[in-house]
Amino acid sequence: MVHNHDEVKRAVAEENPEYRELMHQHAGFDSRLEELQGKAVLDETERVETVNLKKQKLQVKDRMERILRDYIERTAGAGVRH
Protein backbone atom coordinates (compact mmCIF):
# COMPACT_ATOMS: atom_id res chain seq x y z
CA MET A 1 0.00 0.00 0.00
CA VAL A 2 1.26 3.46 -0.89
CA HIS A 3 1.58 5.69 2.18
CA ASN A 4 2.75 9.19 1.35
CA HIS A 5 2.30 11.73 -1.43
CA ASP A 6 5.76 11.15 -2.92
CA GLU A 7 5.15 7.40 -3.09
CA VAL A 8 1.80 8.00 -4.77
CA LYS A 9 3.44 10.29 -7.34
CA ARG A 10 6.10 7.65 -8.06
CA ALA A 11 3.50 4.91 -8.44
CA VAL A 12 1.35 7.01 -10.77
CA ALA A 13 4.36 8.06 -12.85
CA GLU A 14 5.32 4.41 -13.29
CA GLU A 15 1.91 3.38 -14.63
CA ASN A 16 0.53 6.49 -16.31
CA PRO A 17 2.21 7.89 -19.45
CA GLU A 18 0.02 11.03 -19.41
CA TYR A 19 1.19 11.81 -15.88
CA ARG A 20 4.83 11.34 -16.93
CA GLU A 21 4.32 13.73 -19.86
CA LEU A 22 2.66 16.28 -17.58
CA MET A 23 5.61 16.02 -15.17
CA HIS A 24 7.95 16.72 -18.07
CA GLN A 25 5.89 19.72 -19.22
CA HIS A 26 5.68 21.10 -15.67
CA ALA A 27 9.44 20.85 -15.25
CA GLY A 28 9.97 22.59 -18.59
CA PHE A 29 7.66 25.46 -17.65
CA ASP A 30 9.38 25.75 -14.28
CA SER A 31 12.82 25.81 -15.89
CA ARG A 32 11.85 28.55 -18.34
CA LEU A 33 10.23 30.60 -15.56
CA GLU A 34 13.41 30.37 -13.49
CA GLU A 35 15.39 31.52 -16.51
CA LEU A 36 13.12 34.51 -17.02
CA GLN A 37 13.06 35.36 -13.30
CA GLY A 38 16.85 35.41 -13.31
CA LYS A 39 16.87 38.34 -15.72
CA ALA A 40 17.25 41.82 -14.31
CA VAL A 41 14.70 43.30 -16.74
CA LEU A 42 12.05 41.63 -18.87
CA ASP A 43 10.82 43.09 -22.11
CA GLU A 44 7.10 43.07 -22.90
CA THR A 45 7.27 39.75 -24.76
CA GLU A 46 9.02 38.10 -21.83
CA ARG A 47 6.48 39.50 -19.36
CA VAL A 48 3.64 38.05 -21.46
CA GLU A 49 5.52 34.76 -21.74
CA THR A 50 5.92 34.68 -17.95
CA VAL A 51 2.19 35.13 -17.41
CA ASN A 52 1.36 32.46 -20.00
CA LEU A 53 3.89 30.02 -18.56
CA LYS A 54 2.44 30.45 -15.07
CA LYS A 55 -1.06 29.74 -16.40
CA GLN A 56 0.10 26.68 -18.34
CA LYS A 57 2.07 25.41 -15.36
CA LEU A 58 -1.00 25.74 -13.14
CA GLN A 59 -3.21 23.93 -15.66
CA VAL A 60 -0.71 21.07 -15.87
CA LYS A 61 -0.43 20.92 -12.07
CA ASP A 62 -4.23 20.80 -11.74
CA ARG A 63 -4.42 17.91 -14.22
CA MET A 64 -1.65 16.07 -12.38
CA GLU A 65 -3.54 16.47 -9.10
CA ARG A 66 -6.74 15.11 -10.70
CA ILE A 67 -4.82 12.06 -11.91
CA LEU A 68 -3.39 11.55 -8.42
CA ARG A 69 -6.83 11.84 -6.80
CA ASP A 70 -8.28 9.34 -9.28
CA TYR A 71 -5.44 6.92 -8.54
CA ILE A 72 -5.92 7.24 -4.78
CA GLU A 73 -9.67 6.69 -5.08
CA ARG A 74 -9.15 3.71 -7.37
CA THR A 75 -6.53 2.05 -5.15
CA ALA A 76 -8.42 2.80 -1.96
CA GLY A 77 -11.55 1.29 -3.49
CA ALA A 78 -9.62 -1.79 -4.57
CA GLY A 79 -8.65 -2.48 -0.97
CA VAL A 80 -12.22 -2.27 0.32
CA ARG A 81 -13.81 -5.02 -1.77
CA HIS A 82 -16.24 -7.32 -0.02
PDB file of N, CA and C in Angstrom:
ATOM      1  N   MET A   1       0.846  -1.194   0.000  1.00  0.00           N
ATOM      2  CA  MET A   1       0.000   0.000   0.000  1.00  0.00           C
ATOM      3  C   MET A   1       0.879   1.241   0.000  1.00  0.00           C
ATOM      4  N   VAL A   2       0.513   2.216  -0.792  1.00  0.00           N
ATOM      5  CA  VAL A   2       1.263   3.459  -0.893  1.00  0.00           C
ATOM      6  C   VAL A   2       0.863   4.356   0.276  1.00  0.00           C
ATOM      7  N   HIS A   3       1.867   4.974   0.946  1.00  0.00           N
ATOM      8  CA  HIS A   3       1.576   5.693   2.182  1.00  0.00           C
ATOM      9  C   HIS A   3       1.679   7.203   2.100  1.00  0.00           C
ATOM     10  N   ASN A   4       2.629   7.738   1.361  1.00  0.00           N
ATOM     11  CA  ASN A   4       2.748   9.189   1.349  1.00  0.00           C
ATOM     12  C   ASN A   4       2.638   9.746  -0.064  1.00  0.00           C
ATOM     13  N   HIS A   5       2.536  11.049  -0.147  1.00  0.00           N
ATOM     14  CA  HIS A   5       2.301  11.732  -1.426  1.00  0.00           C
ATOM     15  C   HIS A   5       3.406  11.448  -2.445  1.00  0.00           C
ATOM     16  N   ASP A   6       4.656  11.424  -2.000  1.00  0.00           N
ATOM     17  CA  ASP A   6       5.759  11.148  -2.919  1.00  0.00           C
ATOM     18  C   ASP A   6       5.673   9.729  -3.470  1.00  0.00           C
ATOM     19  N   GLU A   7       5.297   8.785  -2.626  1.00  0.00           N
ATOM     20  CA  GLU A   7       5.150   7.402  -3.086  1.00  0.00           C
ATOM     21  C   GLU A   7       4.007   7.283  -4.088  1.00  0.00           C
ATOM     22  N   VAL A   8       2.933   8.008  -3.849  1.00  0.00           N
ATOM     23  CA  VAL A   8       1.798   8.000  -4.774  1.00  0.00           C
ATOM     24  C   VAL A   8       2.239   8.573  -6.117  1.00  0.00           C
ATOM     25  N   LYS A   9       2.959   9.682  -6.090  1.00  0.00           N
ATOM     26  CA  LYS A   9       3.444  10.290  -7.335  1.00  0.00           C
ATOM     27  C   LYS A   9       4.322   9.317  -8.110  1.00  0.00           C
ATOM     28  N   ARG A  10       5.219   8.618  -7.403  1.00  0.00           N
ATOM     29  CA  ARG A  10       6.095   7.652  -8.065  1.00  0.00           C
ATOM     30  C   ARG A  10       5.282   6.515  -8.677  1.00  0.00           C
ATOM     31  N   ALA A  11       4.320   6.015  -7.944  1.00  0.00           N
ATOM     32  CA  ALA A  11       3.502   4.909  -8.437  1.00  0.00           C
ATOM     33  C   ALA A  11       2.708   5.324  -9.672  1.00  0.00           C
ATOM     34  N   VAL A  12       2.130   6.516  -9.633  1.00  0.00           N
ATOM     35  CA  VAL A  12       1.350   7.006 -10.770  1.00  0.00           C
ATOM     36  C   VAL A  12       2.269   7.230 -11.968  1.00  0.00           C
ATOM     37  N   ALA A  13       3.426   7.806 -11.748  1.00  0.00           N
ATOM     38  CA  ALA A  13       4.363   8.061 -12.846  1.00  0.00           C
ATOM     39  C   ALA A  13       4.796   6.754 -13.514  1.00  0.00           C
ATOM     40  N   GLU A  14       4.924   5.698 -12.734  1.00  0.00           N
ATOM     41  CA  GLU A  14       5.318   4.409 -13.294  1.00  0.00           C
ATOM     42  C   GLU A  14       4.245   3.828 -14.209  1.00  0.00           C
ATOM     43  N   GLU A  15       2.985   4.047 -13.867  1.00  0.00           N
ATOM     44  CA  GLU A  15       1.914   3.380 -14.626  1.00  0.00           C
ATOM     45  C   GLU A  15       1.172   4.285 -15.602  1.00  0.00           C
ATOM     46  N   ASN A  16       1.347   5.592 -15.501  1.00  0.00           N
ATOM     47  CA  ASN A  16       0.525   6.493 -16.305  1.00  0.00           C
ATOM     48  C   ASN A  16       1.389   7.374 -17.217  1.00  0.00           C
ATOM     49  N   PRO A  17       1.380   7.095 -18.529  1.00  0.00           N
ATOM     50  CA  PRO A  17       2.206   7.894 -19.453  1.00  0.00           C
ATOM     51  C   PRO A  17       1.774   9.357 -19.533  1.00  0.00           C
ATOM     52  N   GLU A  18       0.476   9.632 -19.389  1.00  0.00           N
ATOM     53  CA  GLU A  18       0.016  11.028 -19.408  1.00  0.00           C
ATOM     54  C   GLU A  18       0.623  11.787 -18.230  1.00  0.00           C
ATOM     55  N   TYR A  19       0.627  11.170 -17.058  1.00  0.00           N
ATOM     56  CA  TYR A  19       1.188  11.809 -15.878  1.00  0.00           C
ATOM     57  C   TYR A  19       2.674  12.093 -16.083  1.00  0.00           C
ATOM     58  N   ARG A  20       3.400  11.127 -16.663  1.00  0.00           N
ATOM     59  CA  ARG A  20       4.835  11.343 -16.928  1.00  0.00           C
ATOM     60  C   ARG A  20       5.039  12.522 -17.878  1.00  0.00           C
ATOM     61  N   GLU A  21       4.211  12.612 -18.910  1.00  0.00           N
ATOM     62  CA  GLU A  21       4.317  13.732 -19.862  1.00  0.00           C
ATOM     63  C   GLU A  21       4.012  15.058 -19.162  1.00  0.00           C
ATOM     64  N   LEU A  22       3.006  15.062 -18.320  1.00  0.00           N
ATOM     65  CA  LEU A  22       2.663  16.282 -17.579  1.00  0.00           C
ATOM     66  C   LEU A  22       3.807  16.697 -16.653  1.00  0.00           C
ATOM     67  N   MET A  23       4.455  15.713 -16.017  1.00  0.00           N
ATOM     68  CA  MET A  23       5.613  16.023 -15.167  1.00  0.00           C
ATOM     69  C   MET A  23       6.711  16.696 -15.992  1.00  0.00           C
ATOM     70  N   HIS A  24       6.933  16.168 -17.177  1.00  0.00           N
ATOM     71  CA  HIS A  24       7.951  16.722 -18.074  1.00  0.00           C
ATOM     72  C   HIS A  24       7.596  18.157 -18.474  1.00  0.00           C
ATOM     73  N   GLN A  25       6.334  18.374 -18.842  1.00  0.00           N
ATOM     74  CA  GLN A  25       5.886  19.718 -19.219  1.00  0.00           C
ATOM     75  C   GLN A  25       6.033  20.686 -18.047  1.00  0.00           C
ATOM     76  N   HIS A  26       5.617  20.256 -16.867  1.00  0.00           N
ATOM     77  CA  HIS A  26       5.678  21.101 -15.667  1.00  0.00           C
ATOM     78  C   HIS A  26       7.119  21.510 -15.385  1.00  0.00           C
ATOM     79  N   ALA A  27       8.022  20.549 -15.486  1.00  0.00           N
ATOM     80  CA  ALA A  27       9.438  20.850 -15.250  1.00  0.00           C
ATOM     81  C   ALA A  27       9.969  21.826 -16.296  1.00  0.00           C
ATOM     82  N   GLY A  28       9.545  21.676 -17.539  1.00  0.00           N
ATOM     83  CA  GLY A  28       9.971  22.595 -18.591  1.00  0.00           C
ATOM     84  C   GLY A  28       9.479  24.009 -18.355  1.00  0.00           C
ATOM     85  N   PHE A  29       8.208  24.137 -17.955  1.00  0.00           N
ATOM     86  CA  PHE A  29       7.659  25.462 -17.649  1.00  0.00           C
ATOM     87  C   PHE A  29       8.416  26.078 -16.481  1.00  0.00           C
ATOM     88  N   ASP A  30       8.679  25.267 -15.466  1.00  0.00           N
ATOM     89  CA  ASP A  30       9.384  25.749 -14.285  1.00  0.00           C
ATOM     90  C   ASP A  30      10.794  26.218 -14.637  1.00  0.00           C
ATOM     91  N   SER A  31      11.462  25.457 -15.473  1.00  0.00           N
ATOM     92  CA  SER A  31      12.819  25.814 -15.886  1.00  0.00           C
ATOM     93  C   SER A  31      12.838  27.145 -16.641  1.00  0.00           C
ATOM     94  N   ARG A  32      11.904  27.296 -17.567  1.00  0.00           N
ATOM     95  CA  ARG A  32      11.847  28.551 -18.339  1.00  0.00           C
ATOM     96  C   ARG A  32      11.498  29.720 -17.430  1.00  0.00           C
ATOM     97  N   LEU A  33      10.582  29.520 -16.492  1.00  0.00           N
ATOM     98  CA  LEU A  33      10.233  30.599 -15.564  1.00  0.00           C
ATOM     99  C   LEU A  33      11.437  31.014 -14.726  1.00  0.00           C
ATOM    100  N   GLU A  34      12.205  30.041 -14.265  1.00  0.00           N
ATOM    101  CA  GLU A  34      13.406  30.365 -13.488  1.00  0.00           C
ATOM    102  C   GLU A  34      14.385  31.179 -14.332  1.00  0.00           C
ATOM    103  N   GLU A  35      14.500  30.787 -15.590  1.00  0.00           N
ATOM    104  CA  GLU A  35      15.389  31.515 -16.506  1.00  0.00           C
ATOM    105  C   GLU A  35      14.936  32.966 -16.660  1.00  0.00           C
ATOM    106  N   LEU A  36      13.652  33.164 -16.859  1.00  0.00           N
ATOM    107  CA  LEU A  36      13.117  34.515 -17.016  1.00  0.00           C
ATOM    108  C   LEU A  36      13.236  35.313 -15.719  1.00  0.00           C
ATOM    109  N   GLN A  37      12.989  34.660 -14.589  1.00  0.00           N
ATOM    110  CA  GLN A  37      13.062  35.357 -13.304  1.00  0.00           C
ATOM    111  C   GLN A  37      14.491  35.751 -12.950  1.00  0.00           C
ATOM    112  N   GLY A  38      15.455  35.080 -13.566  1.00  0.00           N
ATOM    113  CA  GLY A  38      16.851  35.408 -13.315  1.00  0.00           C
ATOM    114  C   GLY A  38      17.319  36.650 -14.050  1.00  0.00           C
ATOM    115  N   LYS A  39      16.501  37.137 -14.962  1.00  0.00           N
ATOM    116  CA  LYS A  39      16.873  38.339 -15.716  1.00  0.00           C
ATOM    117  C   LYS A  39      16.591  39.582 -14.881  1.00  0.00           C
ATOM    118  N   ALA A  40      17.437  40.565 -15.039  1.00  0.00           N
ATOM    119  CA  ALA A  40      17.248  41.817 -14.305  1.00  0.00           C
ATOM    120  C   ALA A  40      16.019  42.570 -14.809  1.00  0.00           C
ATOM    121  N   VAL A  41      15.820  42.570 -16.125  1.00  0.00           N
ATOM    122  CA  VAL A  41      14.705  43.297 -16.737  1.00  0.00           C
ATOM    123  C   VAL A  41      14.092  42.417 -17.813  1.00  0.00           C
ATOM    124  N   LEU A  42      12.763  42.367 -17.832  1.00  0.00           N
ATOM    125  CA  LEU A  42      12.054  41.625 -18.872  1.00  0.00           C
ATOM    126  C   LEU A  42      11.431  42.598 -19.859  1.00  0.00           C
ATOM    127  N   ASP A  43      11.530  42.273 -21.139  1.00  0.00           N
ATOM    128  CA  ASP A  43      10.816  43.094 -22.114  1.00  0.00           C
ATOM    129  C   ASP A  43       9.345  42.654 -22.130  1.00  0.00           C
ATOM    130  N   GLU A  44       8.535  43.344 -22.890  1.00  0.00           N
ATOM    131  CA  GLU A  44       7.095  43.069 -22.896  1.00  0.00           C
ATOM    132  C   GLU A  44       6.789  41.629 -23.304  1.00  0.00           C
ATOM    133  N   THR A  45       7.477  41.128 -24.299  1.00  0.00           N
ATOM    134  CA  THR A  45       7.266  39.751 -24.763  1.00  0.00           C
ATOM    135  C   THR A  45       7.575  38.749 -23.650  1.00  0.00           C
ATOM    136  N   GLU A  46       8.639  38.990 -22.919  1.00  0.00           N
ATOM    137  CA  GLU A  46       9.021  38.096 -21.825  1.00  0.00           C
ATOM    138  C   GLU A  46       8.033  38.179 -20.661  1.00  0.00           C
ATOM    139  N   ARG A  47       7.493  39.368 -20.417  1.00  0.00           N
ATOM    140  CA  ARG A  47       6.476  39.501 -19.362  1.00  0.00           C
ATOM    141  C   ARG A  47       5.229  38.707 -19.734  1.00  0.00           C
ATOM    142  N   VAL A  48       4.803  38.807 -20.990  1.00  0.00           N
ATOM    143  CA  VAL A  48       3.641  38.053 -21.456  1.00  0.00           C
ATOM    144  C   VAL A  48       3.933  36.558 -21.383  1.00  0.00           C
ATOM    145  N   GLU A  49       5.125  36.166 -21.798  1.00  0.00           N
ATOM    146  CA  GLU A  49       5.518  34.762 -21.735  1.00  0.00           C
ATOM    147  C   GLU A  49       5.472  34.254 -20.296  1.00  0.00           C
ATOM    148  N   THR A  50       5.937  35.065 -19.360  1.00  0.00           N
ATOM    149  CA  THR A  50       5.922  34.678 -17.947  1.00  0.00           C
ATOM    150  C   THR A  50       4.498  34.412 -17.475  1.00  0.00           C
ATOM    151  N   VAL A  51       3.597  35.302 -17.805  1.00  0.00           N
ATOM    152  CA  VAL A  51       2.193  35.129 -17.408  1.00  0.00           C
ATOM    153  C   VAL A  51       1.627  33.856 -18.027  1.00  0.00           C
ATOM    154  N   ASN A  52       1.889  33.649 -19.311  1.00  0.00           N
ATOM    155  CA  ASN A  52       1.364  32.464 -19.999  1.00  0.00           C
ATOM    156  C   ASN A  52       1.963  31.177 -19.435  1.00  0.00           C
ATOM    157  N   LEU A  53       3.254  31.192 -19.136  1.00  0.00           N
ATOM    158  CA  LEU A  53       3.889  30.019 -18.556  1.00  0.00           C
ATOM    159  C   LEU A  53       3.299  29.670 -17.198  1.00  0.00           C
ATOM    160  N   LYS A  54       3.042  30.683 -16.388  1.00  0.00           N
ATOM    161  CA  LYS A  54       2.442  30.446 -15.069  1.00  0.00           C
ATOM    162  C   LYS A  54       1.059  29.828 -15.208  1.00  0.00           C
ATOM    163  N   LYS A  55       0.276  30.302 -16.168  1.00  0.00           N
ATOM    164  CA  LYS A  55      -1.058  29.740 -16.400  1.00  0.00           C
ATOM    165  C   LYS A  55      -0.955  28.294 -16.870  1.00  0.00           C
ATOM    166  N   GLN A  56      -0.062  28.038 -17.822  1.00  0.00           N
ATOM    167  CA  GLN A  56       0.105  26.678 -18.339  1.00  0.00           C
ATOM    168  C   GLN A  56       0.595  25.739 -17.248  1.00  0.00           C
ATOM    169  N   LYS A  57       1.529  26.216 -16.453  1.00  0.00           N
ATOM    170  CA  LYS A  57       2.075  25.406 -15.364  1.00  0.00           C
ATOM    171  C   LYS A  57       0.968  25.040 -14.370  1.00  0.00           C
ATOM    172  N   LEU A  58       0.109  25.986 -14.059  1.00  0.00           N
ATOM    173  CA  LEU A  58      -0.996  25.735 -13.140  1.00  0.00           C
ATOM    174  C   LEU A  58      -1.994  24.738 -13.731  1.00  0.00           C
ATOM    175  N   GLN A  59      -2.297  24.872 -15.007  1.00  0.00           N
ATOM    176  CA  GLN A  59      -3.212  23.928 -15.661  1.00  0.00           C
ATOM    177  C   GLN A  59      -2.648  22.508 -15.629  1.00  0.00           C
ATOM    178  N   VAL A  60      -1.359  22.382 -15.904  1.00  0.00           N
ATOM    179  CA  VAL A  60      -0.713  21.072 -15.871  1.00  0.00           C
ATOM    180  C   VAL A  60      -0.738  20.516 -14.449  1.00  0.00           C
ATOM    181  N   LYS A  61      -0.435  21.344 -13.477  1.00  0.00           N
ATOM    182  CA  LYS A  61      -0.433  20.917 -12.070  1.00  0.00           C
ATOM    183  C   LYS A  61      -1.827  20.459 -11.645  1.00  0.00           C
ATOM    184  N   ASP A  62      -2.852  21.191 -12.056  1.00  0.00           N
ATOM    185  CA  ASP A  62      -4.229  20.799 -11.737  1.00  0.00           C
ATOM    186  C   ASP A  62      -4.562  19.435 -12.329  1.00  0.00           C
ATOM    187  N   ARG A  63      -4.162  19.205 -13.584  1.00  0.00           N
ATOM    188  CA  ARG A  63      -4.421  17.911 -14.224  1.00  0.00           C
ATOM    189  C   ARG A  63      -3.666  16.792 -13.508  1.00  0.00           C
ATOM    190  N   MET A  64      -2.434  17.067 -13.114  1.00  0.00           N
ATOM    191  CA  MET A  64      -1.652  16.070 -12.377  1.00  0.00           C
ATOM    192  C   MET A  64      -2.339  15.720 -11.059  1.00  0.00           C
ATOM    193  N   GLU A  65      -2.850  16.710 -10.372  1.00  0.00           N
ATOM    194  CA  GLU A  65      -3.537  16.467  -9.102  1.00  0.00           C
ATOM    195  C   GLU A  65      -4.812  15.649  -9.301  1.00  0.00           C
ATOM    196  N   ARG A  66      -5.542  15.907 -10.411  1.00  0.00           N
ATOM    197  CA  ARG A  66      -6.740  15.106 -10.701  1.00  0.00           C
ATOM    198  C   ARG A  66      -6.369  13.649 -10.943  1.00  0.00           C
ATOM    199  N   ILE A  67      -5.286  13.428 -11.661  1.00  0.00           N
ATOM    200  CA  ILE A  67      -4.824  12.064 -11.914  1.00  0.00           C
ATOM    201  C   ILE A  67      -4.448  11.393 -10.598  1.00  0.00           C
ATOM    202  N   LEU A  68      -3.758  12.105  -9.719  1.00  0.00           N
ATOM    203  CA  LEU A  68      -3.387  11.547  -8.415  1.00  0.00           C
ATOM    204  C   LEU A  68      -4.621  11.203  -7.584  1.00  0.00           C
ATOM    205  N   ARG A  69      -5.598  12.104  -7.563  1.00  0.00           N
ATOM    206  CA  ARG A  69      -6.831  11.842  -6.805  1.00  0.00           C
ATOM    207  C   ARG A  69      -7.545  10.604  -7.337  1.00  0.00           C
ATOM    208  N   ASP A  70      -7.629  10.507  -8.663  1.00  0.00           N
ATOM    209  CA  ASP A  70      -8.277   9.344  -9.277  1.00  0.00           C
ATOM    210  C   ASP A  70      -7.551   8.054  -8.895  1.00  0.00           C
ATOM    211  N   TYR A  71      -6.237   8.098  -8.910  1.00  0.00           N
ATOM    212  CA  TYR A  71      -5.440   6.924  -8.544  1.00  0.00           C
ATOM    213  C   TYR A  71      -5.701   6.529  -7.093  1.00  0.00           C
ATOM    214  N   ILE A  72      -5.691   7.517  -6.203  1.00  0.00           N
ATOM    215  CA  ILE A  72      -5.916   7.244  -4.778  1.00  0.00           C
ATOM    216  C   ILE A  72      -7.303   6.650  -4.566  1.00  0.00           C
ATOM    217  N   GLU A  73      -8.309   7.218  -5.214  1.00  0.00           N
ATOM    218  CA  GLU A  73      -9.672   6.690  -5.081  1.00  0.00           C
ATOM    219  C   GLU A  73      -9.759   5.269  -5.615  1.00  0.00           C
ATOM    220  N   ARG A  74      -9.104   5.034  -6.750  1.00  0.00           N
ATOM    221  CA  ARG A  74      -9.151   3.713  -7.371  1.00  0.00           C
ATOM    222  C   ARG A  74      -8.445   2.680  -6.499  1.00  0.00           C
ATOM    223  N   THR A  75      -7.276   3.023  -5.968  1.00  0.00           N
ATOM    224  CA  THR A  75      -6.532   2.054  -5.153  1.00  0.00           C
ATOM    225  C   THR A  75      -7.163   1.879  -3.779  1.00  0.00           C
ATOM    226  N   ALA A  76      -7.744   2.929  -3.247  1.00  0.00           N
ATOM    227  CA  ALA A  76      -8.423   2.804  -1.956  1.00  0.00           C
ATOM    228  C   ALA A  76      -9.668   1.923  -2.117  1.00  0.00           C
ATOM    229  N   GLY A  77     -10.367   2.095  -3.213  1.00  0.00           N
ATOM    230  CA  GLY A  77     -11.554   1.289  -3.488  1.00  0.00           C
ATOM    231  C   GLY A  77     -11.201  -0.164  -3.717  1.00  0.00           C
ATOM    232  N   ALA A  78     -10.045  -0.416  -4.301  1.00  0.00           N
ATOM    233  CA  ALA A  78      -9.616  -1.790  -4.568  1.00  0.00           C
ATOM    234  C   ALA A  78      -9.338  -2.547  -3.283  1.00  0.00           C
ATOM    235  N   GLY A  79      -8.953  -1.826  -2.237  1.00  0.00           N
ATOM    236  CA  GLY A  79      -8.651  -2.477  -0.965  1.00  0.00           C
ATOM    237  C   GLY A  79      -9.863  -2.701  -0.093  1.00  0.00           C
ATOM    238  N   VAL A  80     -11.015  -2.202  -0.512  1.00  0.00           N
ATOM    239  CA  VAL A  80     -12.222  -2.273   0.316  1.00  0.00           C
ATOM    240  C   VAL A  80     -13.252  -3.231  -0.272  1.00  0.00           C
ATOM    241  N   ARG A  81     -12.845  -4.095  -1.153  1.00  0.00           N
ATOM    242  CA  ARG A  81     -13.805  -5.018  -1.770  1.00  0.00           C
ATOM    243  C   ARG A  81     -14.338  -6.012  -0.756  1.00  0.00           C
ATOM    244  N   HIS A  82     -15.593  -6.356  -0.934  1.00  0.00           N
ATOM    245  CA  HIS A  82     -16.245  -7.322  -0.021  1.00  0.00           C
ATOM    246  C   HIS A  82     -16.455  -8.636  -0.709  1.00  0.00           C
TER     247      HIS A  82
END
